[in-house]
PDB file of N, CA and C in Angstrom:
ATOM      1  N   UNK A   1       9.111 -14.850   6.798  1.00  0.00           N
ATOM      2  CA  UNK A   1       8.449 -13.582   6.608  1.00  0.00           C
ATOM      3  C   UNK A   1       8.155 -12.971   7.968  1.00  0.00           C
ATOM      4  N   UNK A   2       8.745 -11.876   8.268  1.00  0.00           N
ATOM      5  CA  UNK A   2       8.588 -11.227   9.549  1.00  0.00           C
ATOM      6  C   UNK A   2       7.185 -10.644   9.685  1.00  0.00           C
ATOM      7  N   UNK A   3       6.500 -11.063  10.745  1.00  0.00           N
ATOM      8  CA  UNK A   3       5.183 -10.517  11.079  1.00  0.00           C
ATOM      9  C   UNK A   3       4.159 -10.624   9.944  1.00  0.00           C
ATOM     10  N   UNK A   4       4.249 -11.644   9.118  1.00  0.00           N
ATOM     11  CA  UNK A   4       3.303 -11.855   8.016  1.00  0.00           C
ATOM     12  C   UNK A   4       2.111 -12.620   8.559  1.00  0.00           C
ATOM     13  N   UNK A   5       0.896 -12.188   8.213  1.00  0.00           N
ATOM     14  CA  UNK A   5      -0.302 -12.835   8.748  1.00  0.00           C
ATOM     15  C   UNK A   5      -1.309 -13.104   7.640  1.00  0.00           C
ATOM     16  N   UNK A   6      -2.346 -13.843   7.990  1.00  0.00           N
ATOM     17  CA  UNK A   6      -3.420 -14.084   7.024  1.00  0.00           C
ATOM     18  C   UNK A   6      -4.111 -12.772   6.654  1.00  0.00           C
ATOM     19  N   UNK A   7      -4.099 -11.810   7.562  1.00  0.00           N
ATOM     20  CA  UNK A   7      -4.667 -10.488   7.244  1.00  0.00           C
ATOM     21  C   UNK A   7      -3.838  -9.787   6.171  1.00  0.00           C
ATOM     22  N   UNK A   8      -2.528 -10.022   6.168  1.00  0.00           N
ATOM     23  CA  UNK A   8      -1.678  -9.454   5.121  1.00  0.00           C
ATOM     24  C   UNK A   8      -1.972 -10.104   3.774  1.00  0.00           C
ATOM     25  N   UNK A   9      -2.303 -11.394   3.791  1.00  0.00           N
ATOM     26  CA  UNK A   9      -2.693 -12.077   2.545  1.00  0.00           C
ATOM     27  C   UNK A   9      -3.935 -11.428   1.945  1.00  0.00           C
ATOM     28  N   UNK A  10      -4.867 -11.007   2.797  1.00  0.00           N
ATOM     29  CA  UNK A  10      -6.066 -10.304   2.308  1.00  0.00           C
ATOM     30  C   UNK A  10      -5.676  -8.991   1.635  1.00  0.00           C
ATOM     31  N   UNK A  11      -4.694  -8.301   2.214  1.00  0.00           N
ATOM     32  CA  UNK A  11      -4.229  -7.053   1.598  1.00  0.00           C
ATOM     33  C   UNK A  11      -3.609  -7.313   0.234  1.00  0.00           C
ATOM     34  N   UNK A  12      -2.899  -8.422   0.091  1.00  0.00           N
ATOM     35  CA  UNK A  12      -2.322  -8.783  -1.204  1.00  0.00           C
ATOM     36  C   UNK A  12      -3.437  -8.946  -2.238  1.00  0.00           C
ATOM     37  N   UNK A  13      -4.486  -9.652  -1.869  1.00  0.00           N
ATOM     38  CA  UNK A  13      -5.616  -9.850  -2.786  1.00  0.00           C
ATOM     39  C   UNK A  13      -6.241  -8.525  -3.186  1.00  0.00           C
ATOM     40  N   UNK A  14      -6.441  -7.645  -2.215  1.00  0.00           N
ATOM     41  CA  UNK A  14      -7.034  -6.332  -2.518  1.00  0.00           C
ATOM     42  C   UNK A  14      -6.128  -5.504  -3.423  1.00  0.00           C
ATOM     43  N   UNK A  15      -4.833  -5.494  -3.131  1.00  0.00           N
ATOM     44  CA  UNK A  15      -3.897  -4.708  -3.938  1.00  0.00           C
ATOM     45  C   UNK A  15      -3.813  -5.239  -5.365  1.00  0.00           C
ATOM     46  N   UNK A  16      -3.742  -6.555  -5.509  1.00  0.00           N
ATOM     47  CA  UNK A  16      -3.667  -7.132  -6.853  1.00  0.00           C
ATOM     48  C   UNK A  16      -4.937  -6.817  -7.651  1.00  0.00           C
ATOM     49  N   UNK A  17      -6.074  -6.863  -7.003  1.00  0.00           N
ATOM     50  CA  UNK A  17      -7.342  -6.551  -7.679  1.00  0.00           C
ATOM     51  C   UNK A  17      -7.395  -5.096  -8.113  1.00  0.00           C
ATOM     52  N   UNK A  18      -6.956  -4.191  -7.254  1.00  0.00           N
ATOM     53  CA  UNK A  18      -6.965  -2.768  -7.592  1.00  0.00           C
ATOM     54  C   UNK A  18      -6.060  -2.489  -8.792  1.00  0.00           C
ATOM     55  N   UNK A  19      -4.892  -3.121  -8.822  1.00  0.00           N
ATOM     56  CA  UNK A  19      -3.967  -2.933  -9.945  1.00  0.00           C
ATOM     57  C   UNK A  19      -4.553  -3.491 -11.227  1.00  0.00           C
ATOM     58  N   UNK A  20      -5.139  -4.664 -11.123  1.00  0.00           N
ATOM     59  CA  UNK A  20      -5.686  -5.324 -12.303  1.00  0.00           C
ATOM     60  C   UNK A  20      -6.852  -4.597 -12.939  1.00  0.00           C
ATOM     61  N   UNK A  21      -7.644  -3.902 -12.121  1.00  0.00           N
ATOM     62  CA  UNK A  21      -8.812  -3.204 -12.665  1.00  0.00           C
ATOM     63  C   UNK A  21      -8.442  -2.177 -13.712  1.00  0.00           C
ATOM     64  N   UNK A  22      -7.323  -1.483 -13.506  1.00  0.00           N
ATOM     65  CA  UNK A  22      -6.965  -0.426 -14.462  1.00  0.00           C
ATOM     66  C   UNK A  22      -5.590  -0.635 -15.091  1.00  0.00           C
ATOM     67  N   UNK A  23      -5.007  -1.832 -14.898  1.00  0.00           N
ATOM     68  CA  UNK A  23      -3.696  -2.164 -15.460  1.00  0.00           C
ATOM     69  C   UNK A  23      -2.626  -1.156 -15.045  1.00  0.00           C
ATOM     70  N   UNK A  24      -2.673  -0.715 -13.802  1.00  0.00           N
ATOM     71  CA  UNK A  24      -1.699   0.243 -13.283  1.00  0.00           C
ATOM     72  C   UNK A  24      -0.359  -0.438 -13.043  1.00  0.00           C
ATOM     73  N   UNK A  25       0.701   0.350 -12.948  1.00  0.00           N
ATOM     74  CA  UNK A  25       2.024  -0.198 -12.631  1.00  0.00           C
ATOM     75  C   UNK A  25       2.085  -0.657 -11.181  1.00  0.00           C
ATOM     76  N   UNK A  26       1.349   0.039 -10.311  1.00  0.00           N
ATOM     77  CA  UNK A  26       1.381  -0.326  -8.894  1.00  0.00           C
ATOM     78  C   UNK A  26       0.030  -0.070  -8.252  1.00  0.00           C
ATOM     79  N   UNK A  27      -0.158  -0.747  -7.128  1.00  0.00           N
ATOM     80  CA  UNK A  27      -1.360  -0.549  -6.329  1.00  0.00           C
ATOM     81  C   UNK A  27      -0.983  -0.781  -4.876  1.00  0.00           C
ATOM     82  N   UNK A  28      -1.864  -0.393  -3.986  1.00  0.00           N
ATOM     83  CA  UNK A  28      -1.596  -0.583  -2.568  1.00  0.00           C
ATOM     84  C   UNK A  28      -2.890  -0.894  -1.842  1.00  0.00           C
ATOM     85  N   UNK A  29      -2.756  -1.640  -0.767  1.00  0.00           N
ATOM     86  CA  UNK A  29      -3.877  -1.907   0.131  1.00  0.00           C
ATOM     87  C   UNK A  29      -3.394  -1.640   1.547  1.00  0.00           C
ATOM     88  N   UNK A  30      -4.303  -1.165   2.374  1.00  0.00           N
ATOM     89  CA  UNK A  30      -3.960  -0.732   3.719  1.00  0.00           C
ATOM     90  C   UNK A  30      -4.966  -1.289   4.705  1.00  0.00           C
ATOM     91  N   UNK A  31      -4.489  -1.685   5.875  1.00  0.00           N
ATOM     92  CA  UNK A  31      -5.356  -2.069   6.983  1.00  0.00           C
ATOM     93  C   UNK A  31      -5.156  -1.030   8.077  1.00  0.00           C
ATOM     94  N   UNK A  32      -6.252  -0.411   8.516  1.00  0.00           N
ATOM     95  CA  UNK A  32      -6.110   0.613   9.543  1.00  0.00           C
ATOM     96  C   UNK A  32      -6.123  -0.007  10.934  1.00  0.00           C
ATOM     97  N   UNK A  33      -6.028   0.819  11.931  1.00  0.00           N
ATOM     98  CA  UNK A  33      -5.899   0.331  13.303  1.00  0.00           C
ATOM     99  C   UNK A  33      -7.166  -0.331  13.838  1.00  0.00           C
ATOM    100  N   UNK A  34      -8.280  -0.197  13.120  1.00  0.00           N
ATOM    101  CA  UNK A  34      -9.516  -0.886  13.533  1.00  0.00           C
ATOM    102  C   UNK A  34      -9.793  -2.113  12.680  1.00  0.00           C
ATOM    103  N   UNK A  35      -8.918  -2.396  11.714  1.00  0.00           N
ATOM    104  CA  UNK A  35      -9.088  -3.558  10.852  1.00  0.00           C
ATOM    105  C   UNK A  35      -9.777  -3.272   9.531  1.00  0.00           C
ATOM    106  N   UNK A  36     -10.235  -2.039   9.332  1.00  0.00           N
ATOM    107  CA  UNK A  36     -10.845  -1.692   8.038  1.00  0.00           C
ATOM    108  C   UNK A  36      -9.757  -1.679   6.965  1.00  0.00           C
ATOM    109  N   UNK A  37     -10.149  -2.015   5.731  1.00  0.00           N
ATOM    110  CA  UNK A  37      -9.187  -2.068   4.637  1.00  0.00           C
ATOM    111  C   UNK A  37      -9.567  -1.119   3.516  1.00  0.00           C
ATOM    112  N   UNK A  38      -8.552  -0.692   2.808  1.00  0.00           N
ATOM    113  CA  UNK A  38      -8.696   0.238   1.683  1.00  0.00           C
ATOM    114  C   UNK A  38      -7.742  -0.229   0.592  1.00  0.00           C
ATOM    115  N   UNK A  39      -8.090   0.042  -0.667  1.00  0.00           N
ATOM    116  CA  UNK A  39      -7.209  -0.322  -1.775  1.00  0.00           C
ATOM    117  C   UNK A  39      -7.280   0.753  -2.845  1.00  0.00           C
ATOM    118  N   UNK A  40      -6.156   0.963  -3.510  1.00  0.00           N
ATOM    119  CA  UNK A  40      -6.095   1.958  -4.566  1.00  0.00           C
ATOM    120  C   UNK A  40      -4.966   1.615  -5.522  1.00  0.00           C
ATOM    121  N   UNK A  41      -5.107   2.058  -6.745  1.00  0.00           N
ATOM    122  CA  UNK A  41      -4.044   1.941  -7.743  1.00  0.00           C
ATOM    123  C   UNK A  41      -3.465   3.322  -7.981  1.00  0.00           C
ATOM    124  N   UNK A  42      -2.235   3.353  -8.459  1.00  0.00           N
ATOM    125  CA  UNK A  42      -1.634   4.645  -8.781  1.00  0.00           C
ATOM    126  C   UNK A  42      -2.419   5.323  -9.896  1.00  0.00           C
ATOM    127  N   UNK A  43      -2.332   6.627  -9.953  1.00  0.00           N
ATOM    128  CA  UNK A  43      -2.955   7.413 -11.022  1.00  0.00           C
ATOM    129  C   UNK A  43      -1.832   8.121 -11.756  1.00  0.00           C
ATOM    130  N   UNK A  44      -1.771   7.917 -13.056  1.00  0.00           N
ATOM    131  CA  UNK A  44      -0.762   8.558 -13.895  1.00  0.00           C
ATOM    132  C   UNK A  44      -1.413   8.878 -15.232  1.00  0.00           C
ATOM    133  N   UNK A  45      -2.200   9.959 -15.232  1.00  0.00           N
ATOM    134  CA  UNK A  45      -2.940  10.375 -16.417  1.00  0.00           C
ATOM    135  C   UNK A  45      -2.667  11.852 -16.650  1.00  0.00           C
ATOM    136  N   UNK A  46      -1.934  12.145 -17.697  1.00  0.00           N
ATOM    137  CA  UNK A  46      -1.575  13.517 -18.059  1.00  0.00           C
ATOM    138  C   UNK A  46      -1.064  14.288 -16.846  1.00  0.00           C
ATOM    139  N   UNK A  47      -1.809  15.236 -16.330  1.00  0.00           N
ATOM    140  CA  UNK A  47      -1.318  16.066 -15.226  1.00  0.00           C
ATOM    141  C   UNK A  47      -1.647  15.491 -13.849  1.00  0.00           C
ATOM    142  N   UNK A  48      -2.382  14.392 -13.794  1.00  0.00           N
ATOM    143  CA  UNK A  48      -2.712  13.761 -12.514  1.00  0.00           C
ATOM    144  C   UNK A  48      -1.735  12.624 -12.252  1.00  0.00           C
ATOM    145  N   UNK A  49      -0.905  12.792 -11.230  1.00  0.00           N
ATOM    146  CA  UNK A  49       0.072  11.765 -10.877  1.00  0.00           C
ATOM    147  C   UNK A  49       0.080  11.603  -9.364  1.00  0.00           C
ATOM    148  N   UNK A  50      -0.419  10.453  -8.907  1.00  0.00           N
ATOM    149  CA  UNK A  50      -0.462  10.144  -7.482  1.00  0.00           C
ATOM    150  C   UNK A  50      -0.013   8.703  -7.289  1.00  0.00           C
ATOM    151  N   UNK A  51       0.844   8.480  -6.315  1.00  0.00           N
ATOM    152  CA  UNK A  51       1.274   7.114  -6.040  1.00  0.00           C
ATOM    153  C   UNK A  51       0.144   6.338  -5.377  1.00  0.00           C
ATOM    154  N   UNK A  52       0.203   5.029  -5.510  1.00  0.00           N
ATOM    155  CA  UNK A  52      -0.796   4.166  -4.879  1.00  0.00           C
ATOM    156  C   UNK A  52      -0.765   4.312  -3.369  1.00  0.00           C
ATOM    157  N   UNK A  53       0.433   4.468  -2.802  1.00  0.00           N
ATOM    158  CA  UNK A  53       0.540   4.628  -1.348  1.00  0.00           C
ATOM    159  C   UNK A  53      -0.106   5.934  -0.910  1.00  0.00           C
ATOM    160  N   UNK A  54       0.184   7.027  -1.609  1.00  0.00           N
ATOM    161  CA  UNK A  54      -0.422   8.308  -1.252  1.00  0.00           C
ATOM    162  C   UNK A  54      -1.950   8.231  -1.320  1.00  0.00           C
ATOM    163  N   UNK A  55      -2.458   7.571  -2.343  1.00  0.00           N
ATOM    164  CA  UNK A  55      -3.909   7.488  -2.492  1.00  0.00           C
ATOM    165  C   UNK A  55      -4.561   6.607  -1.432  1.00  0.00           C
ATOM    166  N   UNK A  56      -3.950   5.470  -1.120  1.00  0.00           N
ATOM    167  CA  UNK A  56      -4.582   4.580  -0.147  1.00  0.00           C
ATOM    168  C   UNK A  56      -4.527   5.178   1.258  1.00  0.00           C
ATOM    169  N   UNK A  57      -3.434   5.871   1.587  1.00  0.00           N
ATOM    170  CA  UNK A  57      -3.370   6.550   2.881  1.00  0.00           C
ATOM    171  C   UNK A  57      -4.405   7.671   2.924  1.00  0.00           C
ATOM    172  N   UNK A  58      -4.541   8.411   1.846  1.00  0.00           N
ATOM    173  CA  UNK A  58      -5.542   9.481   1.782  1.00  0.00           C
ATOM    174  C   UNK A  58      -6.953   8.936   1.962  1.00  0.00           C
ATOM    175  N   UNK A  59      -7.251   7.796   1.341  1.00  0.00           N
ATOM    176  CA  UNK A  59      -8.559   7.164   1.514  1.00  0.00           C
ATOM    177  C   UNK A  59      -8.814   6.852   2.980  1.00  0.00           C
ATOM    178  N   UNK A  60      -7.823   6.279   3.632  1.00  0.00           N
ATOM    179  CA  UNK A  60      -7.977   5.912   5.038  1.00  0.00           C
ATOM    180  C   UNK A  60      -8.215   7.151   5.900  1.00  0.00           C
ATOM    181  N   UNK A  61      -7.420   8.185   5.673  1.00  0.00           N
ATOM    182  CA  UNK A  61      -7.578   9.428   6.441  1.00  0.00           C
ATOM    183  C   UNK A  61      -8.961  10.025   6.203  1.00  0.00           C
ATOM    184  N   UNK A  62      -9.387  10.063   4.941  1.00  0.00           N
ATOM    185  CA  UNK A  62     -10.692  10.632   4.611  1.00  0.00           C
ATOM    186  C   UNK A  62     -11.844   9.823   5.200  1.00  0.00           C
ATOM    187  N   UNK A  63     -11.591   8.567   5.519  1.00  0.00           N
ATOM    188  CA  UNK A  63     -12.618   7.706   6.109  1.00  0.00           C
ATOM    189  C   UNK A  63     -12.580   7.717   7.634  1.00  0.00           C
ATOM    190  N   UNK A  64     -11.674   8.505   8.198  1.00  0.00           N
ATOM    191  CA  UNK A  64     -11.628   8.633   9.644  1.00  0.00           C
ATOM    192  C   UNK A  64     -10.651   7.725  10.357  1.00  0.00           C
ATOM    193  N   UNK A  65      -9.782   7.051   9.631  1.00  0.00           N
ATOM    194  CA  UNK A  65      -8.794   6.181  10.277  1.00  0.00           C
ATOM    195  C   UNK A  65      -7.880   7.020  11.165  1.00  0.00           C
ATOM    196  N   UNK A  66      -7.448   6.428  12.277  1.00  0.00           N
ATOM    197  CA  UNK A  66      -6.522   7.147  13.144  1.00  0.00           C
ATOM    198  C   UNK A  66      -5.181   6.435  13.276  1.00  0.00           C
ATOM    199  N   UNK A  67      -4.972   5.388  12.483  1.00  0.00           N
ATOM    200  CA  UNK A  67      -3.705   4.682  12.487  1.00  0.00           C
ATOM    201  C   UNK A  67      -3.657   3.638  11.399  1.00  0.00           C
ATOM    202  N   UNK A  68      -2.473   3.095  11.160  1.00  0.00           N
ATOM    203  CA  UNK A  68      -2.255   2.083  10.132  1.00  0.00           C
ATOM    204  C   UNK A  68      -1.568   0.892  10.770  1.00  0.00           C
ATOM    205  N   UNK A  69      -2.065  -0.309  10.472  1.00  0.00           N
ATOM    206  CA  UNK A  69      -1.398  -1.537  10.918  1.00  0.00           C
ATOM    207  C   UNK A  69      -0.392  -2.024   9.894  1.00  0.00           C
ATOM    208  N   UNK A  70      -0.759  -1.995   8.598  1.00  0.00           N
ATOM    209  CA  UNK A  70       0.132  -2.502   7.550  1.00  0.00           C
ATOM    210  C   UNK A  70      -0.332  -2.000   6.191  1.00  0.00           C
ATOM    211  N   UNK A  71       0.622  -1.978   5.261  1.00  0.00           N
ATOM    212  CA  UNK A  71       0.352  -1.634   3.867  1.00  0.00           C
ATOM    213  C   UNK A  71       1.032  -2.677   2.992  1.00  0.00           C
ATOM    214  N   UNK A  72       0.341  -3.079   1.929  1.00  0.00           N
ATOM    215  CA  UNK A  72       0.933  -3.932   0.897  1.00  0.00           C
ATOM    216  C   UNK A  72       0.936  -3.133  -0.392  1.00  0.00           C
ATOM    217  N   UNK A  73       2.088  -3.087  -1.058  1.00  0.00           N
ATOM    218  CA  UNK A  73       2.167  -2.488  -2.385  1.00  0.00           C
ATOM    219  C   UNK A  73       2.479  -3.593  -3.379  1.00  0.00           C
ATOM    220  N   UNK A  74       1.687  -3.642  -4.445  1.00  0.00           N
ATOM    221  CA  UNK A  74       1.832  -4.656  -5.482  1.00  0.00           C
ATOM    222  C   UNK A  74       2.433  -3.986  -6.714  1.00  0.00           C
ATOM    223  N   UNK A  75       3.630  -4.442  -7.093  1.00  0.00           N
ATOM    224  CA  UNK A  75       4.316  -3.858  -8.249  1.00  0.00           C
ATOM    225  C   UNK A  75       5.452  -4.791  -8.654  1.00  0.00           C
ATOM    226  N   UNK A  76       5.998  -4.538  -9.829  1.00  0.00           N
ATOM    227  CA  UNK A  76       7.136  -5.324 -10.298  1.00  0.00           C
ATOM    228  C   UNK A  76       8.300  -5.196  -9.316  1.00  0.00           C
ATOM    229  N   UNK A  77       9.201  -6.160  -9.352  1.00  0.00           N
ATOM    230  CA  UNK A  77      10.319  -6.207  -8.419  1.00  0.00           C
ATOM    231  C   UNK A  77      11.191  -4.950  -8.480  1.00  0.00           C
ATOM    232  N   UNK A  78      11.321  -4.348  -9.669  1.00  0.00           N
ATOM    233  CA  UNK A  78      12.180  -3.171  -9.804  1.00  0.00           C
ATOM    234  C   UNK A  78      11.446  -1.853  -9.574  1.00  0.00           C
ATOM    235  N   UNK A  79      10.190  -1.927  -9.146  1.00  0.00           N
ATOM    236  CA  UNK A  79       9.414  -0.713  -8.894  1.00  0.00           C
ATOM    237  C   UNK A  79       9.912  -0.058  -7.601  1.00  0.00           C
ATOM    238  N   UNK A  80      10.265   1.221  -7.657  1.00  0.00           N
ATOM    239  CA  UNK A  80      10.806   1.866  -6.451  1.00  0.00           C
ATOM    240  C   UNK A  80       9.715   2.342  -5.494  1.00  0.00           C
ATOM    241  N   UNK A  81       9.872   1.992  -4.234  1.00  0.00           N
ATOM    242  CA  UNK A  81       9.049   2.594  -3.189  1.00  0.00           C
ATOM    243  C   UNK A  81       9.853   3.787  -2.708  1.00  0.00           C
ATOM    244  N   UNK A  82       9.322   4.970  -2.899  1.00  0.00           N
ATOM    245  CA  UNK A  82      10.099   6.190  -2.702  1.00  0.00           C
ATOM    246  C   UNK A  82      10.146   6.628  -1.242  1.00  0.00           C
ATOM    247  N   UNK A  83      11.154   7.419  -0.946  1.00  0.00           N
ATOM    248  CA  UNK A  83      11.254   8.030   0.388  1.00  0.00           C
ATOM    249  C   UNK A  83      10.037   8.904   0.641  1.00  0.00           C
ATOM    250  N   UNK A  84       9.543   9.567  -0.409  1.00  0.00           N
ATOM    251  CA  UNK A  84       8.358  10.416  -0.250  1.00  0.00           C
ATOM    252  C   UNK A  84       7.165   9.591   0.232  1.00  0.00           C
ATOM    253  N   UNK A  85       6.996   8.388  -0.324  1.00  0.00           N
ATOM    254  CA  UNK A  85       5.901   7.528   0.116  1.00  0.00           C
ATOM    255  C   UNK A  85       6.100   7.067   1.558  1.00  0.00           C
ATOM    256  N   UNK A  86       7.327   6.704   1.901  1.00  0.00           N
ATOM    257  CA  UNK A  86       7.608   6.306   3.286  1.00  0.00           C
ATOM    258  C   UNK A  86       7.329   7.458   4.246  1.00  0.00           C
ATOM    259  N   UNK A  87       7.705   8.657   3.854  1.00  0.00           N
ATOM    260  CA  UNK A  87       7.456   9.836   4.691  1.00  0.00           C
ATOM    261  C   UNK A  87       5.958  10.135   4.797  1.00  0.00           C
ATOM    262  N   UNK A  88       5.234   9.892   3.722  1.00  0.00           N
ATOM    263  CA  UNK A  88       3.780  10.102   3.728  1.00  0.00           C
ATOM    264  C   UNK A  88       3.131   9.205   4.782  1.00  0.00           C
ATOM    265  N   UNK A  89       3.533   7.938   4.804  1.00  0.00           N
ATOM    266  CA  UNK A  89       2.996   6.986   5.787  1.00  0.00           C
ATOM    267  C   UNK A  89       3.459   7.371   7.185  1.00  0.00           C
ATOM    268  N   UNK A  90       4.737   7.661   7.324  1.00  0.00           N
ATOM    269  CA  UNK A  90       5.305   8.023   8.630  1.00  0.00           C
ATOM    270  C   UNK A  90       4.644   9.291   9.184  1.00  0.00           C
ATOM    271  N   UNK A  91       4.377  10.244   8.317  1.00  0.00           N
ATOM    272  CA  UNK A  91       3.760  11.497   8.743  1.00  0.00           C
ATOM    273  C   UNK A  91       2.373  11.304   9.332  1.00  0.00           C
ATOM    274  N   UNK A  92       1.647  10.329   8.824  1.00  0.00           N
ATOM    275  CA  UNK A  92       0.308  10.063   9.345  1.00  0.00           C
ATOM    276  C   UNK A  92       0.326   9.055  10.490  1.00  0.00           C
ATOM    277  N   UNK A  93       1.082   7.984  10.345  1.00  0.00           N
ATOM    278  CA  UNK A  93       0.967   6.858  11.280  1.00  0.00           C
ATOM    279  C   UNK A  93       2.180   6.647  12.171  1.00  0.00           C
ATOM    280  N   UNK A  94       3.273   7.364  11.926  1.00  0.00           N
ATOM    281  CA  UNK A  94       4.440   7.240  12.791  1.00  0.00           C
ATOM    282  C   UNK A  94       5.403   6.148  12.373  1.00  0.00           C
ATOM    283  N   UNK A  95       6.273   5.805  13.302  1.00  0.00           N
ATOM    284  CA  UNK A  95       7.330   4.820  13.077  1.00  0.00           C
ATOM    285  C   UNK A  95       6.804   3.392  13.204  1.00  0.00           C
ATOM    286  N   UNK A  96       7.497   2.470  12.540  1.00  0.00           N
ATOM    287  CA  UNK A  96       7.237   1.047  12.731  1.00  0.00           C
ATOM    288  C   UNK A  96       6.118   0.445  11.899  1.00  0.00           C
ATOM    289  N   UNK A  97       5.624   1.159  10.902  1.00  0.00           N
ATOM    290  CA  UNK A  97       4.555   0.636  10.048  1.00  0.00           C
ATOM    291  C   UNK A  97       5.190  -0.191   8.931  1.00  0.00           C
ATOM    292  N   UNK A  98       4.806  -1.474   8.792  1.00  0.00           N
ATOM    293  CA  UNK A  98       5.375  -2.295   7.719  1.00  0.00           C
ATOM    294  C   UNK A  98       4.735  -2.004   6.362  1.00  0.00           C
ATOM    295  N   UNK A  99       5.575  -1.883   5.350  1.00  0.00           N
ATOM    296  CA  UNK A  99       5.145  -1.783   3.961  1.00  0.00           C
ATOM    297  C   UNK A  99       5.703  -3.008   3.252  1.00  0.00           C
ATOM    298  N   UNK A 100       4.820  -3.932   2.915  1.00  0.00           N
ATOM    299  CA  UNK A 100       5.213  -5.171   2.255  1.00  0.00           C
ATOM    300  C   UNK A 100       5.124  -4.968   0.743  1.00  0.00           C
ATOM    301  N   UNK A 101       6.239  -5.122   0.054  1.00  0.00           N
ATOM    302  CA  UNK A 101       6.266  -5.034  -1.406  1.00  0.00           C
ATOM    303  C   UNK A 101       6.104  -6.445  -1.948  1.00  0.00           C
ATOM    304  N   UNK A 102       5.025  -6.670  -2.701  1.00  0.00           N
ATOM    305  CA  UNK A 102       4.794  -7.975  -3.309  1.00  0.00           C
ATOM    306  C   UNK A 102       4.851  -7.853  -4.824  1.00  0.00           C
ATOM    307  N   UNK A 103       5.199  -8.964  -5.463  1.00  0.00           N
ATOM    308  CA  UNK A 103       5.278  -9.002  -6.922  1.00  0.00           C
ATOM    309  C   UNK A 103       3.878  -8.967  -7.530  1.00  0.00           C
ATOM    310  N   UNK A 104       3.836  -8.909  -8.842  1.00  0.00           N
ATOM    311  CA  UNK A 104       2.555  -8.873  -9.549  1.00  0.00           C
ATOM    312  C   UNK A 104       1.734 -10.137  -9.326  1.00  0.00           C
ATOM    313  N   UNK A 105       2.394 -11.232  -8.942  1.00  0.00           N
ATOM    314  CA  UNK A 105       1.670 -12.478  -8.645  1.00  0.00           C
ATOM    315  C   UNK A 105       1.462 -12.680  -7.154  1.00  0.00           C
ATOM    316  N   UNK A 106       1.901 -11.712  -6.349  1.00  0.00           N
ATOM    317  CA  UNK A 106       1.626 -11.746  -4.928  1.00  0.00           C
ATOM    318  C   UNK A 106       2.699 -12.306  -4.023  1.00  0.00           C
ATOM    319  N   UNK A 107       3.894 -12.599  -4.572  1.00  0.00           N
ATOM    320  CA  UNK A 107       4.989 -13.115  -3.745  1.00  0.00           C
ATOM    321  C   UNK A 107       5.672 -11.954  -3.019  1.00  0.00           C
ATOM    322  N   UNK A 108       5.968 -12.144  -1.737  1.00  0.00           N
ATOM    323  CA  UNK A 108       6.638 -11.118  -0.950  1.00  0.00           C
ATOM    324  C   UNK A 108       8.049 -10.891  -1.472  1.00  0.00           C
ATOM    325  N   UNK A 109       8.377  -9.642  -1.787  1.00  0.00           N
ATOM    326  CA  UNK A 109       9.710  -9.284  -2.281  1.00  0.00           C
ATOM    327  C   UNK A 109      10.566  -8.660  -1.179  1.00  0.00           C
ATOM    328  N   UNK A 110       9.954  -7.767  -0.414  1.00  0.00           N
ATOM    329  CA  UNK A 110      10.667  -7.107   0.674  1.00  0.00           C
ATOM    330  C   UNK A 110       9.673  -6.463   1.626  1.00  0.00           C
ATOM    331  N   UNK A 111      10.122  -6.196   2.813  1.00  0.00           N
ATOM    332  CA  UNK A 111       9.335  -5.439   3.775  1.00  0.00           C
ATOM    333  C   UNK A 111      10.164  -4.274   4.262  1.00  0.00           C
ATOM    334  N   UNK A 112       9.618  -3.080   4.090  1.00  0.00           N
ATOM    335  CA  UNK A 112      10.221  -1.861   4.592  1.00  0.00           C
ATOM    336  C   UNK A 112       9.421  -1.428   5.819  1.00  0.00           C
ATOM    337  N   UNK A 113      10.037  -0.657   6.671  1.00  0.00           N
ATOM    338  CA  UNK A 113       9.346  -0.153   7.850  1.00  0.00           C
ATOM    339  C   UNK A 113       9.564   1.340   7.959  1.00  0.00           C
ATOM    340  N   UNK A 114       8.494   2.051   8.301  1.00  0.00           N
ATOM    341  CA  UNK A 114       8.634   3.507   8.460  1.00  0.00           C
ATOM    342  C   UNK A 114       9.438   3.820   9.693  1.00  0.00           C
TER     343      UNK A 114
END
């Protein structure tokens, strides 16, 4: 696992918990450049549709974060991480941010980089 740390394991726990609370298809957890963490699940209710990545990045920005160290997204293996989500992260935090896709049980499936 490239650049996987115990801090990333904490993000897995946060992401899995966020998904489990509302039985969402996906969730995400983020560690900002100061080590603070945020977690969110996707929202898909009638006219409200927001990806977990968009929401967790928005939480970090709204809390004053000025960078991202890593993001974990928890979803089924066939769940697509979209270019729009990658661009959302890249637009705020730039190039080289790892997005670790983990399964519903927390196993690492893939790592994408902005």
